[in-house]
């Protein structure tokens, strides 16, 4: 049986329930953004240390699994917001798929650190590098889609500007990384030969070997350096979006 109407002709219980659902979805959205904000740097540090360092080695596969799982959990919280918006949900599902792949591949960081000569582990780690960058790349359009549903024109303009810059940088890094991984699979040693040849074209060719040694020793960190800037901008956007939600919807000061 339908709810009996009040004197105004509308069922007040349905309005209250609808309002409560909106508040809950916005609460999940704010918590999901917080988890994303903290999860990005945590996942970066934990995954790098699991592969190259000794900090988390006694804990085995647990640290990278928890770090990548935190990002997947954050995306699931975002999914409670505006479920009827098909474009938003489809964009979110694509990011969640990449996040799930990262969760599945994260234990191989520990196993590869123990047996780096294993070709299967190496292939999985190479794939994990690409999917990790793809996660960050797809996260930016997700934030852009989210701000399109929020009543803040300034935030939308800022998000459009910075996500466009992030996507340009990350797309370039993904293409270069994919090309490098293909080169070392098709012709092992060719990337090193190419780098040496390029360095020898410099005005000081006798320093080429020293520069190449530095690149070889700091290869992982050199690859991470151009990624740190997009990560920082993405985190800033996430925090700004969460502030707007807390301030305009809940009427609270997030500071």
Protein backbone atom coordinates (compact mmCIF):
# COMPACT_ATOMS: atom_id res chain seq x y z
CA UNK A 1 0.00 0.00 0.00
CA UNK A 2 1.30 3.52 -0.76
CA UNK A 3 2.19 5.94 2.03
CA UNK A 4 -0.76 8.13 3.09
CA UNK A 5 -0.25 11.70 1.96
CA UNK A 6 0.14 14.51 4.46
CA UNK A 7 -1.88 17.73 4.40
CA UNK A 8 0.44 19.12 1.76
CA UNK A 9 -0.30 16.11 -0.44
CA UNK A 10 3.25 14.64 -0.21
CA UNK A 11 4.53 11.74 1.90
CA UNK A 12 7.07 13.27 4.30
CA UNK A 13 8.69 9.90 5.11
CA UNK A 14 9.79 9.42 1.51
CA UNK A 15 11.38 12.91 1.43
CA UNK A 16 13.26 12.23 4.66
CA UNK A 17 14.55 8.88 3.38
CA UNK A 18 15.66 10.41 0.09
CA UNK A 19 17.50 13.20 1.90
CA UNK A 20 19.16 10.65 4.16
CA UNK A 21 20.34 8.62 1.19
CA UNK A 22 21.86 11.72 -0.42
CA UNK A 23 23.71 12.61 2.79
CA UNK A 24 25.02 9.05 3.13
CA UNK A 25 26.22 8.98 -0.48
CA UNK A 26 28.00 12.30 -0.01
CA UNK A 27 29.56 11.00 3.18
CA UNK A 28 30.85 7.94 1.31
CA UNK A 29 32.13 10.24 -1.42
CA UNK A 30 34.08 12.37 1.07
CA UNK A 31 35.56 9.29 2.74
CA UNK A 32 36.45 7.80 -0.62
CA UNK A 33 38.27 10.99 -1.63
CA UNK A 34 40.17 10.96 1.67
CA UNK A 35 41.19 7.34 1.11
CA UNK A 36 42.35 8.23 -2.42
CA UNK A 37 44.31 11.23 -1.16
CA UNK A 38 46.26 9.20 1.37
CA UNK A 39 46.29 6.01 -0.66
CA UNK A 40 48.20 7.42 -3.63
CA UNK A 41 51.44 8.34 -1.79
CA UNK A 42 51.17 5.30 0.48
CA UNK A 43 50.85 2.96 -2.51
CA UNK A 44 53.80 4.64 -4.26
CA UNK A 45 56.15 4.34 -1.29
CA UNK A 46 55.04 0.85 -0.29
CA UNK A 47 55.23 -0.57 -3.81
CA UNK A 48 58.68 0.93 -4.51
CA UNK A 49 60.02 -0.29 -1.18
CA UNK A 50 58.49 -3.74 -1.66
CA UNK A 51 60.31 -4.05 -4.98
CA UNK A 52 63.63 -2.37 -4.19
CA UNK A 53 63.94 -1.85 -0.44
CA UNK A 54 64.01 -3.81 2.80
CA UNK A 55 61.56 -1.86 4.94
CA UNK A 56 58.57 -4.15 4.41
CA UNK A 57 60.36 -7.37 3.43
CA UNK A 58 59.61 -9.16 6.76
CA UNK A 59 55.88 -8.63 6.12
CA UNK A 60 55.95 -10.37 2.73
CA UNK A 61 53.15 -9.60 0.31
CA UNK A 62 50.90 -7.88 2.86
CA UNK A 63 52.09 -4.22 2.52
CA UNK A 64 51.66 -3.88 -1.28
CA UNK A 65 48.40 -5.83 -1.12
CA UNK A 66 46.99 -3.51 1.56
CA UNK A 67 48.26 -0.35 -0.18
CA UNK A 68 46.70 -1.18 -3.55
CA UNK A 69 43.60 -2.54 -1.81
CA UNK A 70 43.11 0.84 -0.13
CA UNK A 71 42.81 2.50 -3.54
CA UNK A 72 40.30 -0.09 -4.71
CA UNK A 73 38.31 0.41 -1.49
CA UNK A 74 38.31 4.18 -2.06
CA UNK A 75 36.87 3.74 -5.54
CA UNK A 76 34.12 1.51 -4.18
CA UNK A 77 33.15 4.29 -1.77
CA UNK A 78 32.93 6.73 -4.68
CA UNK A 79 30.53 4.35 -6.41
CA UNK A 80 27.76 5.16 -3.93
CA UNK A 81 27.49 8.68 -5.36
CA UNK A 82 25.10 9.40 -8.27
CA UNK A 83 24.55 5.75 -9.22
CA UNK A 84 22.04 6.81 -11.86
CA UNK A 85 24.65 8.77 -13.85
CA UNK A 86 25.76 6.27 -16.48
CA UNK A 87 28.82 8.20 -17.76
CA UNK A 88 30.11 8.72 -14.21
CA UNK A 89 29.61 5.06 -13.27
CA UNK A 90 31.17 3.78 -16.52
CA UNK A 91 34.22 5.97 -15.97
CA UNK A 92 34.47 4.76 -12.39
CA UNK A 93 34.19 1.10 -13.42
CA UNK A 94 37.13 1.46 -15.81
CA UNK A 95 39.31 2.86 -13.05
CA UNK A 96 38.15 0.13 -10.66
CA UNK A 97 39.11 -2.54 -13.19
CA UNK A 98 42.66 -1.20 -13.43
CA UNK A 99 42.79 -0.88 -9.62
CA UNK A 100 41.74 -4.53 -9.28
CA UNK A 101 44.47 -5.59 -11.71
CA UNK A 102 46.97 -3.68 -9.56
CA UNK A 103 45.76 -5.45 -6.44
CA UNK A 104 46.24 -8.81 -8.12
CA UNK A 105 49.72 -7.94 -9.38
CA UNK A 106 50.99 -6.29 -6.19
CA UNK A 107 52.17 -9.51 -4.44
CA UNK A 108 54.61 -10.07 -7.31
CA UNK A 109 56.57 -7.02 -6.12
CA UNK A 110 57.73 -9.04 -3.12
CA UNK A 111 58.26 -12.25 -5.08
CA UNK A 112 60.23 -10.41 -7.77
CA UNK A 113 62.42 -8.78 -5.11
CA UNK A 114 63.29 -12.27 -3.90
CA UNK A 115 63.83 -13.83 -7.34
CA UNK A 116 64.47 -10.98 -9.82
CA UNK A 117 65.76 -13.38 -12.48
CA UNK A 118 62.40 -15.11 -12.84
CA UNK A 119 61.05 -14.11 -16.30
CA UNK A 120 57.40 -14.55 -15.30
CA UNK A 121 57.79 -12.29 -12.25
CA UNK A 122 59.59 -9.72 -14.41
CA UNK A 123 56.76 -9.73 -16.95
CA UNK A 124 54.16 -9.20 -14.24
CA UNK A 125 56.16 -6.33 -12.75
CA UNK A 126 56.49 -4.69 -16.16
CA UNK A 127 52.73 -4.99 -16.58
CA UNK A 128 52.21 -3.58 -13.09
CA UNK A 129 54.30 -0.51 -13.99
CA UNK A 130 52.09 0.19 -16.99
CA UNK A 131 48.78 -0.46 -15.20
CA UNK A 132 49.91 1.69 -12.26
CA UNK A 133 50.43 4.61 -14.62
CA UNK A 134 47.15 3.84 -16.38
CA UNK A 135 45.37 3.99 -13.02
CA UNK A 136 46.70 7.48 -12.41
CA UNK A 137 45.93 8.47 -16.00
CA UNK A 138 42.29 7.29 -15.80
CA UNK A 139 41.82 8.79 -12.36
CA UNK A 140 42.08 12.31 -13.77
CA UNK A 141 39.06 12.03 -16.14
CA UNK A 142 37.19 10.51 -13.20
CA UNK A 143 37.85 13.62 -11.11
CA UNK A 144 36.82 15.80 -14.04
CA UNK A 145 33.56 13.88 -14.37
CA UNK A 146 32.98 14.21 -10.62
CA UNK A 147 33.40 17.99 -10.61
CA UNK A 148 30.92 18.24 -13.49
CA UNK A 149 28.27 17.08 -10.99
CA UNK A 150 29.26 19.56 -8.28
CA UNK A 151 27.96 23.16 -8.11
CA UNK A 152 31.31 24.94 -8.28
CA UNK A 153 32.32 26.50 -11.59
CA UNK A 154 35.78 27.56 -10.37
CA UNK A 155 36.53 24.02 -9.25
CA UNK A 156 35.44 22.67 -12.63
CA UNK A 157 37.74 25.07 -14.47
CA UNK A 158 40.73 24.26 -12.25
CA UNK A 159 40.11 20.54 -12.56
CA UNK A 160 39.83 20.75 -16.35
CA UNK A 161 43.12 22.65 -16.58
CA UNK A 162 45.18 20.43 -14.29
CA UNK A 163 43.73 17.12 -15.43
CA UNK A 164 44.53 18.07 -19.01
CA UNK A 165 48.15 18.75 -18.04
CA UNK A 166 48.32 15.54 -16.01
CA UNK A 167 46.98 13.44 -18.87
CA UNK A 168 49.51 14.92 -21.29
CA UNK A 169 52.42 14.11 -18.98
CA UNK A 170 51.18 10.64 -18.06
CA UNK A 171 50.33 9.70 -21.64
CA UNK A 172 53.88 10.60 -22.66
CA UNK A 173 55.35 8.58 -19.79
CA UNK A 174 53.15 5.55 -20.58
CA UNK A 175 54.14 5.59 -24.26
CA UNK A 176 57.84 5.92 -23.43
CA UNK A 177 57.67 3.16 -20.83
CA UNK A 178 55.77 0.82 -23.16
CA UNK A 179 58.30 1.50 -25.94
CA UNK A 180 61.19 0.81 -23.58
CA UNK A 181 59.69 -2.46 -22.35
CA UNK A 182 59.05 -3.58 -25.92
CA UNK A 183 62.62 -2.75 -26.91
CA UNK A 184 64.17 -4.78 -24.12
CA UNK A 185 61.91 -7.72 -25.02
CA UNK A 186 62.54 -7.60 -28.78
CA UNK A 187 66.20 -6.59 -28.71
CA UNK A 188 67.84 -6.84 -25.28
CA UNK A 189 70.51 -4.21 -24.82
CA UNK A 190 69.16 -1.89 -27.51
CA UNK A 191 67.88 0.78 -25.06
CA UNK A 192 71.33 1.01 -23.47
CA UNK A 193 73.00 1.29 -26.88
CA UNK A 194 70.54 3.99 -27.91
CA UNK A 195 71.15 5.96 -24.71
CA UNK A 196 74.93 5.70 -25.12
CA UNK A 197 74.67 6.88 -28.72
CA UNK A 198 72.52 9.84 -27.70
CA UNK A 199 74.91 10.74 -24.90
CA UNK A 200 77.88 10.63 -27.25
CA UNK A 201 76.24 13.32 -29.35
CA UNK A 202 76.52 15.71 -26.40
CA UNK A 203 79.24 18.39 -26.37
CA UNK A 204 81.17 16.34 -23.78
CA UNK A 205 81.09 12.77 -25.09
CA UNK A 206 83.75 11.56 -22.65
CA UNK A 207 81.21 12.01 -19.84
CA UNK A 208 78.68 9.76 -21.56
CA UNK A 209 79.76 6.64 -19.69
CA UNK A 210 79.46 8.37 -16.33
CA UNK A 211 75.99 9.66 -17.16
CA UNK A 212 74.93 6.23 -18.39
CA UNK A 213 76.17 4.66 -15.14
CA UNK A 214 74.06 7.14 -13.19
CA UNK A 215 70.99 6.34 -15.31
CA UNK A 216 71.57 2.63 -14.83
CA UNK A 217 71.87 2.94 -11.05
CA UNK A 218 68.97 5.34 -10.59
CA UNK A 219 66.72 4.03 -13.34
CA UNK A 220 63.65 3.42 -11.16
CA UNK A 221 63.87 6.82 -9.47
CA UNK A 222 64.37 8.58 -12.78
CA UNK A 223 61.19 6.95 -14.02
CA UNK A 224 59.33 7.99 -10.86
CA UNK A 225 60.44 11.62 -11.03
CA UNK A 226 58.15 12.68 -13.94
CA UNK A 227 55.29 10.83 -12.22
CA UNK A 228 55.62 12.69 -8.93
CA UNK A 229 54.34 15.96 -10.41
CA UNK A 230 51.06 14.44 -11.74
CA UNK A 231 50.60 12.60 -8.45
CA UNK A 232 51.00 15.87 -6.51
CA UNK A 233 48.53 17.70 -8.76
CA UNK A 234 46.05 14.81 -8.56
CA UNK A 235 46.26 14.82 -4.77
CA UNK A 236 45.72 18.59 -4.71
CA UNK A 237 42.60 18.23 -6.86
CA UNK A 238 41.25 15.41 -4.67
CA UNK A 239 41.72 17.51 -1.54
CA UNK A 240 40.11 20.56 -3.16
CA UNK A 241 37.08 18.53 -4.27
CA UNK A 242 36.67 17.10 -0.78
CA UNK A 243 36.88 20.60 0.72
CA UNK A 244 34.16 21.84 -1.61
CA UNK A 245 31.90 18.94 -0.65
CA UNK A 246 32.44 19.44 3.09
CA UNK A 247 32.06 23.21 2.94
CA UNK A 248 29.12 23.58 0.55
CA UNK A 249 27.10 20.46 1.36
CA UNK A 250 27.78 19.77 5.00
CA UNK A 251 28.50 23.38 5.92
CA UNK A 252 31.69 22.48 7.82
CA UNK A 253 35.25 23.71 7.65
CA UNK A 254 37.57 20.84 6.63
CA UNK A 255 40.64 22.54 8.11
